[in-house]
Every structure is written in C-alpha cells, then in structure tokens.
Amino acid sequence: MKNWKTVKEGQVRSVWQCTHKDCGCDKKEVLIDPSWYNSNGTPVCEIGQDMDYIRTEIADCSEGLEDDLAIVEVVMVEVAKA
C-alpha cells in the first residue's frame, strides 16, 4: 500500500512538451502550476495543438527552503476560434 502525502499547490508543477513535427516549438518543455488548469485547460503549442504530458514534479523542501517553493513558467497561446 502507498502512503500518500498532501503537499501545497505551490510545491507541485507539471511538465508538458510539444511533440508535433510541424511546429516551431523545438520540443520546448513548459511548466504548469495546478491552478492554471481551471482557467486554461491543458497547454497547447504555438500552432494550437495539445501538448503532451511528460511528468509531475514536487519541490524538495528538505534543505530548509521555503514551503511553497516552485518556479513555474506559464506559456499561454491564443488560438483563433473557428
């Protein structure tokens, strides 16, 4: 059985990446904070295609760092609506 721990939202981020061949993103990874999803959904690349989920990261606070340490880069792309 796994022991689950609750962490603050600021300690978690998800990593997404564009893997589309015809996009100019150059397979750049973006870091998304959990609160971002409510307003924006999942991230899209420069050509409006869904990015692929890569992994979830949790901030390591074991070295006496602040509790809610998580550096997050959010990339927002506007897509023309059909």
PDB file of N, CA and C in Angstrom:
ATOM      1  N   MET A   1       0.836  -1.187   0.000  1.00  0.00           N
ATOM      2  CA  MET A   1       0.000   0.000   0.000  1.00  0.00           C
ATOM      3  C   MET A   1       0.877   1.245   0.000  1.00  0.00           C
ATOM      4  N   LYS A   2       0.486   2.250  -0.769  1.00  0.00           N
ATOM      5  CA  LYS A   2       1.232   3.503  -0.848  1.00  0.00           C
ATOM      6  C   LYS A   2       0.791   4.446   0.259  1.00  0.00           C
ATOM      7  N   ASN A   3       1.737   5.198   0.781  1.00  0.00           N
ATOM      8  CA  ASN A   3       1.433   6.259   1.732  1.00  0.00           C
ATOM      9  C   ASN A   3       1.372   7.569   0.960  1.00  0.00           C
ATOM     10  N   TRP A   4       0.205   8.172   0.897  1.00  0.00           N
ATOM     11  CA  TRP A   4       0.025   9.417   0.159  1.00  0.00           C
ATOM     12  C   TRP A   4       0.222  10.590   1.097  1.00  0.00           C
ATOM     13  N   LYS A   5       0.887  11.654   0.624  1.00  0.00           N
ATOM     14  CA  LYS A   5       1.108  12.862   1.401  1.00  0.00           C
ATOM     15  C   LYS A   5       0.462  14.032   0.690  1.00  0.00           C
ATOM     16  N   THR A   6      -0.089  14.947   1.460  1.00  0.00           N
ATOM     17  CA  THR A   6      -0.655  16.161   0.907  1.00  0.00           C
ATOM     18  C   THR A   6       0.435  17.218   0.859  1.00  0.00           C
ATOM     19  N   VAL A   7       0.575  17.885  -0.281  1.00  0.00           N
ATOM     20  CA  VAL A   7       1.546  18.967  -0.430  1.00  0.00           C
ATOM     21  C   VAL A   7       0.807  20.226  -0.868  1.00  0.00           C
ATOM     22  N   LYS A   8       1.402  21.375  -0.595  1.00  0.00           N
ATOM     23  CA  LYS A   8       0.792  22.632  -1.015  1.00  0.00           C
ATOM     24  C   LYS A   8       0.822  22.741  -2.526  1.00  0.00           C
ATOM     25  N   GLU A   9      -0.173  23.409  -3.084  1.00  0.00           N
ATOM     26  CA  GLU A   9      -0.267  23.548  -4.531  1.00  0.00           C
ATOM     27  C   GLU A   9       0.981  24.203  -5.121  1.00  0.00           C
ATOM     28  N   GLY A  10       1.587  25.124  -4.394  1.00  0.00           N
ATOM     29  CA  GLY A  10       2.779  25.803  -4.873  1.00  0.00           C
ATOM     30  C   GLY A  10       4.014  24.913  -4.926  1.00  0.00           C
ATOM     31  N   GLN A  11       3.901  23.698  -4.422  1.00  0.00           N
ATOM     32  CA  GLN A  11       5.026  22.770  -4.428  1.00  0.00           C
ATOM     33  C   GLN A  11       4.949  21.777  -5.585  1.00  0.00           C
ATOM     34  N   VAL A  12       3.921  21.905  -6.416  1.00  0.00           N
ATOM     35  CA  VAL A  12       3.714  20.945  -7.497  1.00  0.00           C
ATOM     36  C   VAL A  12       3.672  21.672  -8.832  1.00  0.00           C
ATOM     37  N   ARG A  13       4.254  21.055  -9.839  1.00  0.00           N
ATOM     38  CA  ARG A  13       4.146  21.569 -11.203  1.00  0.00           C
ATOM     39  C   ARG A  13       4.161  20.391 -12.159  1.00  0.00           C
ATOM     40  N   SER A  14       3.528  20.579 -13.293  1.00  0.00           N
ATOM     41  CA  SER A  14       3.508  19.546 -14.324  1.00  0.00           C
ATOM     42  C   SER A  14       4.342  20.011 -15.503  1.00  0.00           C
ATOM     43  N   VAL A  15       5.008  19.073 -16.128  1.00  0.00           N
ATOM     44  CA  VAL A  15       5.849  19.376 -17.283  1.00  0.00           C
ATOM     45  C   VAL A  15       5.150  18.846 -18.527  1.00  0.00           C
ATOM     46  N   TRP A  16       4.982  19.714 -19.527  1.00  0.00           N
ATOM     47  CA  TRP A  16       4.356  19.379 -20.795  1.00  0.00           C
ATOM     48  C   TRP A  16       5.326  19.703 -21.911  1.00  0.00           C
ATOM     49  N   GLN A  17       5.182  19.026 -23.056  1.00  0.00           N
ATOM     50  CA  GLN A  17       6.092  19.256 -24.175  1.00  0.00           C
ATOM     51  C   GLN A  17       5.342  19.094 -25.495  1.00  0.00           C
ATOM     52  N   CYS A  18       5.723  19.928 -26.459  1.00  0.00           N
ATOM     53  CA  CYS A  18       5.182  19.794 -27.805  1.00  0.00           C
ATOM     54  C   CYS A  18       5.987  18.729 -28.544  1.00  0.00           C
ATOM     55  N   THR A  19       5.299  17.793 -29.161  1.00  0.00           N
ATOM     56  CA  THR A  19       5.980  16.741 -29.921  1.00  0.00           C
ATOM     57  C   THR A  19       5.537  16.717 -31.382  1.00  0.00           C
ATOM     58  N   HIS A  20       4.848  17.764 -31.822  1.00  0.00           N
ATOM     59  CA  HIS A  20       4.362  17.819 -33.196  1.00  0.00           C
ATOM     60  C   HIS A  20       5.499  18.207 -34.139  1.00  0.00           C
ATOM     61  N   LYS A  21       5.645  17.480 -35.204  1.00  0.00           N
ATOM     62  CA  LYS A  21       6.755  17.679 -36.147  1.00  0.00           C
ATOM     63  C   LYS A  21       6.658  18.999 -36.900  1.00  0.00           C
ATOM     64  N   ASP A  22       5.437  19.491 -37.149  1.00  0.00           N
ATOM     65  CA  ASP A  22       5.270  20.694 -37.959  1.00  0.00           C
ATOM     66  C   ASP A  22       5.147  21.976 -37.131  1.00  0.00           C
ATOM     67  N   CYS A  23       5.606  21.941 -35.903  1.00  0.00           N
ATOM     68  CA  CYS A  23       5.518  23.096 -35.010  1.00  0.00           C
ATOM     69  C   CYS A  23       6.924  23.658 -34.766  1.00  0.00           C
ATOM     70  N   GLY A  24       7.008  24.951 -34.548  1.00  0.00           N
ATOM     71  CA  GLY A  24       8.296  25.582 -34.301  1.00  0.00           C
ATOM     72  C   GLY A  24       8.678  25.652 -32.834  1.00  0.00           C
ATOM     73  N   CYS A  25       8.025  24.876 -31.990  1.00  0.00           N
ATOM     74  CA  CYS A  25       8.300  24.916 -30.559  1.00  0.00           C
ATOM     75  C   CYS A  25       9.666  24.334 -30.197  1.00  0.00           C
ATOM     76  N   ASP A  26      10.258  23.555 -31.087  1.00  0.00           N
ATOM     77  CA  ASP A  26      11.545  22.904 -30.820  1.00  0.00           C
ATOM     78  C   ASP A  26      11.499  22.008 -29.594  1.00  0.00           C
ATOM     79  N   LYS A  27      10.375  21.328 -29.422  1.00  0.00           N
ATOM     80  CA  LYS A  27      10.187  20.394 -28.311  1.00  0.00           C
ATOM     81  C   LYS A  27      10.438  21.024 -26.948  1.00  0.00           C
ATOM     82  N   LYS A  28      10.147  22.324 -26.849  1.00  0.00           N
ATOM     83  CA  LYS A  28      10.322  23.053 -25.601  1.00  0.00           C
ATOM     84  C   LYS A  28       9.359  22.540 -24.538  1.00  0.00           C
ATOM     85  N   GLU A  29       9.878  22.368 -23.323  1.00  0.00           N
ATOM     86  CA  GLU A  29       9.040  21.962 -22.203  1.00  0.00           C
ATOM     87  C   GLU A  29       8.478  23.206 -21.527  1.00  0.00           C
ATOM     88  N   VAL A  30       7.234  23.130 -21.077  1.00  0.00           N
ATOM     89  CA  VAL A  30       6.628  24.195 -20.295  1.00  0.00           C
ATOM     90  C   VAL A  30       6.229  23.629 -18.938  1.00  0.00           C
ATOM     91  N   LEU A  31       6.313  24.477 -17.921  1.00  0.00           N
ATOM     92  CA  LEU A  31       5.992  24.086 -16.557  1.00  0.00           C
ATOM     93  C   LEU A  31       4.677  24.738 -16.167  1.00  0.00           C
ATOM     94  N   ILE A  32       3.722  23.938 -15.720  1.00  0.00           N
ATOM     95  CA  ILE A  32       2.380  24.428 -15.430  1.00  0.00           C
ATOM     96  C   ILE A  32       2.039  24.208 -13.959  1.00  0.00           C
ATOM     97  N   ASP A  33       1.587  25.273 -13.310  1.00  0.00           N
ATOM     98  CA  ASP A  33       1.125  25.228 -11.930  1.00  0.00           C
ATOM     99  C   ASP A  33      -0.303  24.666 -11.918  1.00  0.00           C
ATOM    100  N   PRO A  34      -0.686  23.879 -10.916  1.00  0.00           N
ATOM    101  CA  PRO A  34      -2.030  23.275 -10.895  1.00  0.00           C
ATOM    102  C   PRO A  34      -3.180  24.276 -11.025  1.00  0.00           C
ATOM    103  N   SER A  35      -3.049  25.466 -10.477  1.00  0.00           N
ATOM    104  CA  SER A  35      -4.144  26.441 -10.538  1.00  0.00           C
ATOM    105  C   SER A  35      -4.398  26.940 -11.960  1.00  0.00           C
ATOM    106  N   TRP A  36      -3.445  26.786 -12.845  1.00  0.00           N
ATOM    107  CA  TRP A  36      -3.557  27.260 -14.220  1.00  0.00           C
ATOM    108  C   TRP A  36      -4.631  26.503 -14.994  1.00  0.00           C
ATOM    109  N   TYR A  37      -4.828  25.223 -14.692  1.00  0.00           N
ATOM    110  CA  TYR A  37      -5.752  24.381 -15.460  1.00  0.00           C
ATOM    111  C   TYR A  37      -7.203  24.843 -15.382  1.00  0.00           C
ATOM    112  N   ASN A  38      -7.649  25.357 -14.235  1.00  0.00           N
ATOM    113  CA  ASN A  38      -9.046  25.774 -14.078  1.00  0.00           C
ATOM    114  C   ASN A  38      -9.462  26.798 -15.121  1.00  0.00           C
ATOM    115  N   SER A  39      -8.609  27.750 -15.403  1.00  0.00           N
ATOM    116  CA  SER A  39      -8.950  28.816 -16.347  1.00  0.00           C
ATOM    117  C   SER A  39      -8.543  28.517 -17.786  1.00  0.00           C
ATOM    118  N   ASN A  40      -7.582  27.614 -17.974  1.00  0.00           N
ATOM    119  CA  ASN A  40      -6.987  27.452 -19.290  1.00  0.00           C
ATOM    120  C   ASN A  40      -7.057  26.049 -19.888  1.00  0.00           C
ATOM    121  N   GLY A  41      -7.370  25.047 -19.092  1.00  0.00           N
ATOM    122  CA  GLY A  41      -7.328  23.675 -19.598  1.00  0.00           C
ATOM    123  C   GLY A  41      -5.889  23.207 -19.723  1.00  0.00           C
ATOM    124  N   THR A  42      -5.651  22.254 -20.576  1.00  0.00           N
ATOM    125  CA  THR A  42      -4.294  21.766 -20.769  1.00  0.00           C
ATOM    126  C   THR A  42      -3.564  22.672 -21.765  1.00  0.00           C
ATOM    127  N   PRO A  43      -2.239  22.728 -21.699  1.00  0.00           N
ATOM    128  CA  PRO A  43      -1.498  23.647 -22.562  1.00  0.00           C
ATOM    129  C   PRO A  43      -1.493  23.221 -24.031  1.00  0.00           C
ATOM    130  N   VAL A  44      -1.405  24.233 -24.889  1.00  0.00           N
ATOM    131  CA  VAL A  44      -1.298  23.996 -26.324  1.00  0.00           C
ATOM    132  C   VAL A  44      -0.023  24.662 -26.831  1.00  0.00           C
ATOM    133  N   CYS A  45       0.495  24.158 -27.948  1.00  0.00           N
ATOM    134  CA  CYS A  45       1.728  24.694 -28.516  1.00  0.00           C
ATOM    135  C   CYS A  45       1.433  25.902 -29.388  1.00  0.00           C
ATOM    136  N   GLU A  46       2.451  26.395 -30.079  1.00  0.00           N
ATOM    137  CA  GLU A  46       2.334  27.598 -30.901  1.00  0.00           C
ATOM    138  C   GLU A  46       1.340  27.462 -32.050  1.00  0.00           C
ATOM    139  N   ILE A  47       1.075  26.241 -32.504  1.00  0.00           N
ATOM    140  CA  ILE A  47       0.124  26.055 -33.609  1.00  0.00           C
ATOM    141  C   ILE A  47      -1.245  25.592 -33.115  1.00  0.00           C
ATOM    142  N   GLY A  48      -1.458  25.651 -31.788  1.00  0.00           N
ATOM    143  CA  GLY A  48      -2.762  25.323 -31.234  1.00  0.00           C
ATOM    144  C   GLY A  48      -3.015  23.846 -30.988  1.00  0.00           C
ATOM    145  N   GLN A  49      -2.003  23.006 -31.094  1.00  0.00           N
ATOM    146  CA  GLN A  49      -2.155  21.573 -30.844  1.00  0.00           C
ATOM    147  C   GLN A  49      -1.888  21.272 -29.370  1.00  0.00           C
ATOM    148  N   ASP A  50      -2.607  20.296 -28.836  1.00  0.00           N
ATOM    149  CA  ASP A  50      -2.384  19.900 -27.446  1.00  0.00           C
ATOM    150  C   ASP A  50      -0.957  19.422 -27.245  1.00  0.00           C
ATOM    151  N   MET A  51      -0.365  19.868 -26.133  1.00  0.00           N
ATOM    152  CA  MET A  51       0.966  19.401 -25.783  1.00  0.00           C
ATOM    153  C   MET A  51       0.833  18.054 -25.070  1.00  0.00           C
ATOM    154  N   ASP A  52       1.932  17.318 -24.985  1.00  0.00           N
ATOM    155  CA  ASP A  52       1.935  16.011 -24.325  1.00  0.00           C
ATOM    156  C   ASP A  52       2.410  16.148 -22.889  1.00  0.00           C
ATOM    157  N   TYR A  53       1.691  15.483 -21.977  1.00  0.00           N
ATOM    158  CA  TYR A  53       2.095  15.446 -20.575  1.00  0.00           C
ATOM    159  C   TYR A  53       3.377  14.624 -20.459  1.00  0.00           C
ATOM    160  N   ILE A  54       4.379  15.144 -19.740  1.00  0.00           N
ATOM    161  CA  ILE A  54       5.647  14.451 -19.564  1.00  0.00           C
ATOM    162  C   ILE A  54       5.783  13.896 -18.148  1.00  0.00           C
ATOM    163  N   ARG A  55       5.632  14.761 -17.128  1.00  0.00           N
ATOM    164  CA  ARG A  55       5.800  14.301 -15.748  1.00  0.00           C
ATOM    165  C   ARG A  55       5.268  15.361 -14.779  1.00  0.00           C
ATOM    166  N   THR A  56       5.157  14.988 -13.517  1.00  0.00           N
ATOM    167  CA  THR A  56       4.814  15.902 -12.438  1.00  0.00           C
ATOM    168  C   THR A  56       6.013  16.005 -11.512  1.00  0.00           C
ATOM    169  N   GLU A  57       6.311  17.211 -11.066  1.00  0.00           N
ATOM    170  CA  GLU A  57       7.432  17.436 -10.156  1.00  0.00           C
ATOM    171  C   GLU A  57       6.920  18.050  -8.860  1.00  0.00           C
ATOM    172  N   ILE A  58       7.561  17.679  -7.758  1.00  0.00           N
ATOM    173  CA  ILE A  58       7.233  18.220  -6.438  1.00  0.00           C
ATOM    174  C   ILE A  58       8.488  18.870  -5.885  1.00  0.00           C
ATOM    175  N   ALA A  59       8.362  20.115  -5.389  1.00  0.00           N
ATOM    176  CA  ALA A  59       9.508  20.846  -4.848  1.00  0.00           C
ATOM    177  C   ALA A  59      10.079  20.117  -3.642  1.00  0.00           C
ATOM    178  N   ASP A  60      11.397  20.033  -3.581  1.00  0.00           N
ATOM    179  CA  ASP A  60      12.093  19.405  -2.465  1.00  0.00           C
ATOM    180  C   ASP A  60      12.403  20.484  -1.430  1.00  0.00           C
ATOM    181  N   CYS A  61      11.714  20.429  -0.313  1.00  0.00           N
ATOM    182  CA  CYS A  61      11.896  21.422   0.743  1.00  0.00           C
ATOM    183  C   CYS A  61      12.760  20.865   1.878  1.00  0.00           C
ATOM    184  N   SER A  62      13.450  19.781   1.641  1.00  0.00           N
ATOM    185  CA  SER A  62      14.216  19.120   2.690  1.00  0.00           C
ATOM    186  C   SER A  62      15.471  19.886   3.101  1.00  0.00           C
ATOM    187  N   GLU A  63      15.898  20.868   2.291  1.00  0.00           N
ATOM    188  CA  GLU A  63      17.113  21.614   2.603  1.00  0.00           C
ATOM    189  C   GLU A  63      16.805  22.950   3.264  1.00  0.00           C
ATOM    190  N   GLY A  64      15.643  23.043   3.914  1.00  0.00           N
ATOM    191  CA  GLY A  64      15.282  24.257   4.622  1.00  0.00           C
ATOM    192  C   GLY A  64      14.769  25.374   3.739  1.00  0.00           C
ATOM    193  N   LEU A  65      14.383  25.052   2.508  1.00  0.00           N
ATOM    194  CA  LEU A  65      13.843  26.058   1.606  1.00  0.00           C
ATOM    195  C   LEU A  65      12.400  26.367   1.987  1.00  0.00           C
ATOM    196  N   GLU A  66      11.885  27.461   1.484  1.00  0.00           N
ATOM    197  CA  GLU A  66      10.505  27.847   1.776  1.00  0.00           C
ATOM    198  C   GLU A  66       9.528  26.745   1.395  1.00  0.00           C
ATOM    199  N   ASP A  67       8.423  26.640   2.147  1.00  0.00           N
ATOM    200  CA  ASP A  67       7.427  25.589   1.917  1.00  0.00           C
ATOM    201  C   ASP A  67       6.826  25.609   0.527  1.00  0.00           C
ATOM    202  N   ASP A  68       6.508  26.791   0.027  1.00  0.00           N
ATOM    203  CA  ASP A  68       5.850  26.812  -1.277  1.00  0.00           C
ATOM    204  C   ASP A  68       6.785  27.320  -2.364  1.00  0.00           C
ATOM    205  N   LEU A  69       7.932  26.654  -2.472  1.00  0.00           N
ATOM    206  CA  LEU A  69       8.911  26.974  -3.496  1.00  0.00           C
ATOM    207  C   LEU A  69       8.652  26.130  -4.732  1.00  0.00           C
ATOM    208  N   ALA A  70       8.276  26.762  -5.791  1.00  0.00           N
ATOM    209  CA  ALA A  70       8.128  26.090  -7.079  1.00  0.00           C
ATOM    210  C   ALA A  70       8.158  27.171  -8.148  1.00  0.00           C
ATOM    211  N   ILE A  71       9.181  27.163  -8.961  1.00  0.00           N
ATOM    212  CA  ILE A  71       9.298  28.134 -10.030  1.00  0.00           C
ATOM    213  C   ILE A  71       8.511  27.607 -11.221  1.00  0.00           C
ATOM    214  N   VAL A  72       7.565  28.374 -11.683  1.00  0.00           N
ATOM    215  CA  VAL A  72       6.674  27.906 -12.736  1.00  0.00           C
ATOM    216  C   VAL A  72       6.684  28.887 -13.905  1.00  0.00           C
ATOM    217  N   GLU A  73       6.863  28.362 -15.092  1.00  0.00           N
ATOM    218  CA  GLU A  73       6.781  29.157 -16.312  1.00  0.00           C
ATOM    219  C   GLU A  73       5.475  28.792 -16.996  1.00  0.00           C
ATOM    220  N   VAL A  74       4.654  29.770 -17.259  1.00  0.00           N
ATOM    221  CA  VAL A  74       3.380  29.508 -17.920  1.00  0.00           C
ATOM    222  C   VAL A  74       3.426  30.149 -19.297  1.00  0.00           C
ATOM    223  N   VAL A  75       3.132  29.349 -20.297  1.00  0.00           N
ATOM    224  CA  VAL A  75       3.079  29.839 -21.670  1.00  0.00           C
ATOM    225  C   VAL A  75       1.635  29.776 -22.123  1.00  0.00           C
ATOM    226  N   MET A  76       1.106  30.939 -22.504  1.00  0.00           N
ATOM    227  CA  MET A  76      -0.272  30.987 -22.970  1.00  0.00           C
ATOM    228  C   MET A  76      -0.272  31.320 -24.453  1.00  0.00           C
ATOM    229  N   VAL A  77      -1.036  30.595 -25.198  1.00  0.00           N
ATOM    230  CA  VAL A  77      -1.118  30.800 -26.638  1.00  0.00           C
ATOM    231  C   VAL A  77      -2.570  31.049 -26.999  1.00  0.00           C
ATOM    232  N   GLU A  78      -2.832  32.155 -27.707  1.00  0.00           N
ATOM    233  CA  GLU A  78      -4.194  32.411 -28.177  1.00  0.00           C
ATOM    234  C   GLU A  78      -4.395  31.702 -29.501  1.00  0.00           C
ATOM    235  N   VAL A  79      -5.513  31.035 -29.618  1.00  0.00           N
ATOM    236  CA  VAL A  79      -5.831  30.306 -30.837  1.00  0.00           C
ATOM    237  C   VAL A  79      -7.119  30.888 -31.403  1.00  0.00           C
ATOM    238  N   ALA A  80      -7.108  31.159 -32.704  1.00  0.00           N
ATOM    239  CA  ALA A  80      -8.300  31.687 -33.351  1.00  0.00           C
ATOM    240  C   ALA A  80      -9.426  30.654 -33.270  1.00  0.00           C
ATOM    241  N   LYS A  81     -10.601  31.107 -32.868  1.00  0.00           N
ATOM    242  CA  LYS A  81     -11.748  30.199 -32.767  1.00  0.00           C
ATOM    243  C   LYS A  81     -12.410  30.059 -34.121  1.00  0.00           C
ATOM    244  N   ALA A  82     -12.775  28.831 -34.428  1.00  0.00           N
ATOM    245  CA  ALA A  82     -13.397  28.548 -35.736  1.00  0.00           C
ATOM    246  C   ALA A  82     -14.839  28.975 -35.755  1.00  0.00           C
TER     247      ALA A  82
END
